[in-house]
Amino acid sequence: MSGKKVRIDYDTCTACELCYDRVPEVFKNRGDGIADVVRYDIEESDEEKWMRVPEELEEEVEEVADECPSGSIIVEEED
């Protein structure tokens, strides 16, 4: 299965709210303003918890990642 996966770099996120305001189907406020993905589909480590991006939201997620002021949204192709 191929597609995109996304995660948040918690250490660099500035809690600007851009991602979870724009794509709430993928991003959420984890409770302290820092963004997180709404579910973990792939857990590579405590810091690398990925969500598979629904195909219909890939473009929106890419746009938000490009606009993230801190560059904290990491989008990669899933293997």
N, C-alpha and C. Protein backbone atom coordinates (compact mmCIF):
# COMPACT_ATOMS: atom_id res chain seq x y z
N MET A 1 0.85 -1.18 0.00
CA MET A 1 0.00 0.00 0.00
C MET A 1 0.89 1.24 0.00
N SER A 2 0.65 2.15 -0.91
CA SER A 2 1.42 3.37 -0.93
C SER A 2 0.49 4.55 -0.75
N GLY A 3 1.04 5.66 -0.41
CA GLY A 3 0.30 6.87 -0.14
C GLY A 3 1.16 7.75 0.72
N LYS A 4 0.55 8.68 1.39
CA LYS A 4 1.29 9.61 2.25
C LYS A 4 1.03 9.29 3.72
N LYS A 5 2.04 9.62 4.52
CA LYS A 5 1.90 9.54 5.96
C LYS A 5 2.36 10.87 6.53
N VAL A 6 1.86 11.23 7.72
CA VAL A 6 2.16 12.52 8.32
C VAL A 6 2.37 12.36 9.81
N ARG A 7 3.25 13.21 10.35
CA ARG A 7 3.46 13.28 11.79
C ARG A 7 3.84 14.71 12.15
N ILE A 8 3.85 14.99 13.44
CA ILE A 8 4.22 16.30 13.96
C ILE A 8 5.53 16.19 14.72
N ASP A 9 6.41 17.14 14.51
CA ASP A 9 7.62 17.26 15.33
C ASP A 9 7.22 18.10 16.54
N TYR A 10 6.97 17.44 17.66
CA TYR A 10 6.48 18.12 18.86
C TYR A 10 7.47 19.14 19.40
N ASP A 11 8.76 18.91 19.18
CA ASP A 11 9.79 19.81 19.72
C ASP A 11 9.83 21.16 19.02
N THR A 12 9.37 21.21 17.77
CA THR A 12 9.44 22.48 17.03
C THR A 12 8.08 23.14 16.83
N CYS A 13 6.99 22.42 17.11
CA CYS A 13 5.65 22.98 16.92
C CYS A 13 5.47 24.19 17.83
N THR A 14 4.95 25.28 17.26
CA THR A 14 4.75 26.52 18.01
C THR A 14 3.30 26.75 18.42
N ALA A 15 2.44 25.75 18.21
CA ALA A 15 1.02 25.83 18.60
C ALA A 15 0.30 26.98 17.91
N CYS A 16 0.59 27.19 16.63
CA CYS A 16 -0.04 28.28 15.89
C CYS A 16 -1.48 27.97 15.51
N GLU A 17 -1.89 26.71 15.60
CA GLU A 17 -3.26 26.25 15.34
C GLU A 17 -3.60 26.11 13.86
N LEU A 18 -2.70 26.43 12.96
CA LEU A 18 -2.98 26.39 11.54
C LEU A 18 -3.47 25.02 11.09
N CYS A 19 -2.75 23.97 11.44
CA CYS A 19 -3.07 22.64 10.92
C CYS A 19 -4.41 22.12 11.42
N TYR A 20 -4.65 22.21 12.73
CA TYR A 20 -5.91 21.64 13.22
C TYR A 20 -7.10 22.53 12.94
N ASP A 21 -6.88 23.80 12.66
CA ASP A 21 -7.98 24.64 12.19
C ASP A 21 -8.35 24.31 10.74
N ARG A 22 -7.34 24.04 9.93
CA ARG A 22 -7.57 23.81 8.49
C ARG A 22 -7.93 22.38 8.12
N VAL A 23 -7.34 21.40 8.80
CA VAL A 23 -7.59 19.99 8.45
C VAL A 23 -7.86 19.19 9.73
N PRO A 24 -9.01 19.43 10.37
CA PRO A 24 -9.32 18.74 11.63
C PRO A 24 -9.52 17.24 11.47
N GLU A 25 -9.69 16.77 10.25
CA GLU A 25 -9.81 15.33 10.01
C GLU A 25 -8.48 14.61 10.23
N VAL A 26 -7.38 15.39 10.21
CA VAL A 26 -6.03 14.81 10.34
C VAL A 26 -5.31 15.32 11.58
N PHE A 27 -5.49 16.59 11.93
CA PHE A 27 -4.74 17.19 13.03
C PHE A 27 -5.65 17.59 14.18
N LYS A 28 -5.08 17.59 15.39
CA LYS A 28 -5.82 18.00 16.58
C LYS A 28 -4.87 18.72 17.54
N ASN A 29 -5.46 19.42 18.48
CA ASN A 29 -4.73 20.01 19.60
C ASN A 29 -4.57 18.89 20.62
N ARG A 30 -3.35 18.60 21.02
CA ARG A 30 -3.16 17.48 21.97
C ARG A 30 -3.50 17.87 23.41
N GLY A 31 -3.91 19.12 23.61
CA GLY A 31 -4.34 19.56 24.94
C GLY A 31 -3.56 20.74 25.47
N ASP A 32 -2.37 20.93 24.94
CA ASP A 32 -1.52 22.05 25.38
C ASP A 32 -1.23 23.02 24.24
N GLY A 33 -2.02 22.93 23.17
CA GLY A 33 -1.82 23.79 22.01
C GLY A 33 -0.97 23.16 20.94
N ILE A 34 -0.08 22.26 21.33
CA ILE A 34 0.78 21.57 20.37
C ILE A 34 -0.07 20.65 19.51
N ALA A 35 0.23 20.61 18.23
CA ALA A 35 -0.54 19.78 17.31
C ALA A 35 -0.15 18.31 17.41
N ASP A 36 -1.08 17.47 17.00
CA ASP A 36 -0.84 16.03 16.89
C ASP A 36 -1.75 15.51 15.78
N VAL A 37 -1.51 14.31 15.33
CA VAL A 37 -2.42 13.69 14.38
C VAL A 37 -3.56 13.05 15.16
N VAL A 38 -4.70 12.87 14.52
CA VAL A 38 -5.88 12.38 15.24
C VAL A 38 -5.80 10.91 15.61
N ARG A 39 -4.96 10.15 14.91
CA ARG A 39 -4.77 8.74 15.29
C ARG A 39 -3.39 8.30 14.82
N TYR A 40 -2.87 7.27 15.45
CA TYR A 40 -1.57 6.72 15.08
C TYR A 40 -1.79 5.42 14.32
N ASP A 41 -1.39 5.40 13.06
CA ASP A 41 -1.47 4.19 12.25
C ASP A 41 -0.14 3.44 12.23
N ILE A 42 0.95 4.19 12.38
CA ILE A 42 2.30 3.63 12.32
C ILE A 42 3.11 4.23 13.47
N GLU A 43 3.62 3.41 14.36
CA GLU A 43 4.45 3.91 15.47
C GLU A 43 5.85 3.35 15.31
N GLU A 44 6.76 4.21 14.84
CA GLU A 44 8.15 3.80 14.66
C GLU A 44 8.97 4.03 15.92
N SER A 45 8.56 4.99 16.75
CA SER A 45 9.20 5.26 18.04
C SER A 45 8.27 6.20 18.80
N ASP A 46 8.65 6.58 20.02
CA ASP A 46 7.82 7.51 20.79
C ASP A 46 7.68 8.86 20.08
N GLU A 47 8.71 9.25 19.34
CA GLU A 47 8.69 10.53 18.64
C GLU A 47 8.13 10.43 17.23
N GLU A 48 8.11 9.26 16.68
CA GLU A 48 7.65 9.10 15.30
C GLU A 48 6.39 8.25 15.25
N LYS A 49 5.26 8.95 15.45
CA LYS A 49 3.94 8.33 15.38
C LYS A 49 3.23 8.94 14.18
N TRP A 50 3.02 8.12 13.19
CA TRP A 50 2.50 8.57 11.90
C TRP A 50 1.02 8.23 11.73
N MET A 51 0.36 9.05 10.95
CA MET A 51 -1.00 8.76 10.50
C MET A 51 -0.96 8.62 8.98
N ARG A 52 -1.66 7.63 8.46
CA ARG A 52 -1.84 7.53 7.01
C ARG A 52 -2.82 8.63 6.59
N VAL A 53 -2.44 9.39 5.58
CA VAL A 53 -3.28 10.48 5.11
C VAL A 53 -4.34 9.93 4.15
N PRO A 54 -5.61 10.17 4.44
CA PRO A 54 -6.63 9.75 3.48
C PRO A 54 -6.37 10.41 2.12
N GLU A 55 -6.51 9.63 1.08
CA GLU A 55 -6.17 10.10 -0.27
C GLU A 55 -6.85 11.43 -0.61
N GLU A 56 -8.10 11.59 -0.19
CA GLU A 56 -8.83 12.81 -0.53
C GLU A 56 -8.34 14.04 0.23
N LEU A 57 -7.48 13.85 1.24
CA LEU A 57 -6.95 14.97 2.02
C LEU A 57 -5.46 15.22 1.76
N GLU A 58 -4.84 14.45 0.88
CA GLU A 58 -3.40 14.58 0.66
C GLU A 58 -3.01 15.99 0.24
N GLU A 59 -3.75 16.59 -0.67
CA GLU A 59 -3.40 17.93 -1.15
C GLU A 59 -3.50 18.96 -0.02
N GLU A 60 -4.57 18.89 0.77
CA GLU A 60 -4.73 19.83 1.89
C GLU A 60 -3.61 19.67 2.91
N VAL A 61 -3.25 18.42 3.22
CA VAL A 61 -2.19 18.17 4.20
C VAL A 61 -0.86 18.71 3.67
N GLU A 62 -0.57 18.51 2.40
CA GLU A 62 0.67 19.04 1.80
C GLU A 62 0.69 20.56 1.87
N GLU A 63 -0.44 21.20 1.59
CA GLU A 63 -0.51 22.66 1.64
C GLU A 63 -0.26 23.18 3.05
N VAL A 64 -0.90 22.56 4.03
CA VAL A 64 -0.72 22.98 5.42
C VAL A 64 0.73 22.76 5.86
N ALA A 65 1.32 21.65 5.45
CA ALA A 65 2.72 21.39 5.79
C ALA A 65 3.62 22.47 5.20
N ASP A 66 3.34 22.88 3.96
CA ASP A 66 4.13 23.94 3.33
C ASP A 66 3.96 25.27 4.03
N GLU A 67 2.78 25.52 4.59
CA GLU A 67 2.49 26.79 5.25
C GLU A 67 2.85 26.82 6.73
N CYS A 68 3.16 25.67 7.31
CA CYS A 68 3.48 25.60 8.74
C CYS A 68 4.69 26.50 9.03
N PRO A 69 4.53 27.51 9.89
CA PRO A 69 5.63 28.46 10.12
C PRO A 69 6.86 27.84 10.77
N SER A 70 6.69 26.75 11.49
CA SER A 70 7.84 26.13 12.15
C SER A 70 8.35 24.89 11.41
N GLY A 71 7.68 24.51 10.33
CA GLY A 71 8.09 23.32 9.59
C GLY A 71 7.93 22.03 10.37
N SER A 72 6.96 22.01 11.27
CA SER A 72 6.79 20.88 12.18
C SER A 72 5.93 19.74 11.63
N ILE A 73 5.32 19.95 10.48
CA ILE A 73 4.49 18.91 9.87
C ILE A 73 5.35 18.16 8.87
N ILE A 74 5.55 16.89 9.13
CA ILE A 74 6.41 16.06 8.28
C ILE A 74 5.51 15.12 7.48
N VAL A 75 5.60 15.24 6.17
CA VAL A 75 4.82 14.41 5.26
C VAL A 75 5.81 13.60 4.42
N GLU A 76 5.59 12.31 4.35
CA GLU A 76 6.45 11.43 3.56
C GLU A 76 5.60 10.43 2.80
N GLU A 77 6.19 9.88 1.76
CA GLU A 77 5.57 8.78 1.05
C GLU A 77 5.65 7.54 1.93
N GLU A 78 4.56 6.81 1.99
CA GLU A 78 4.57 5.57 2.74
C GLU A 78 5.11 4.45 1.86
N ASP A 79 5.94 3.60 2.44
CA ASP A 79 6.52 2.49 1.70
C ASP A 79 5.51 1.39 1.45
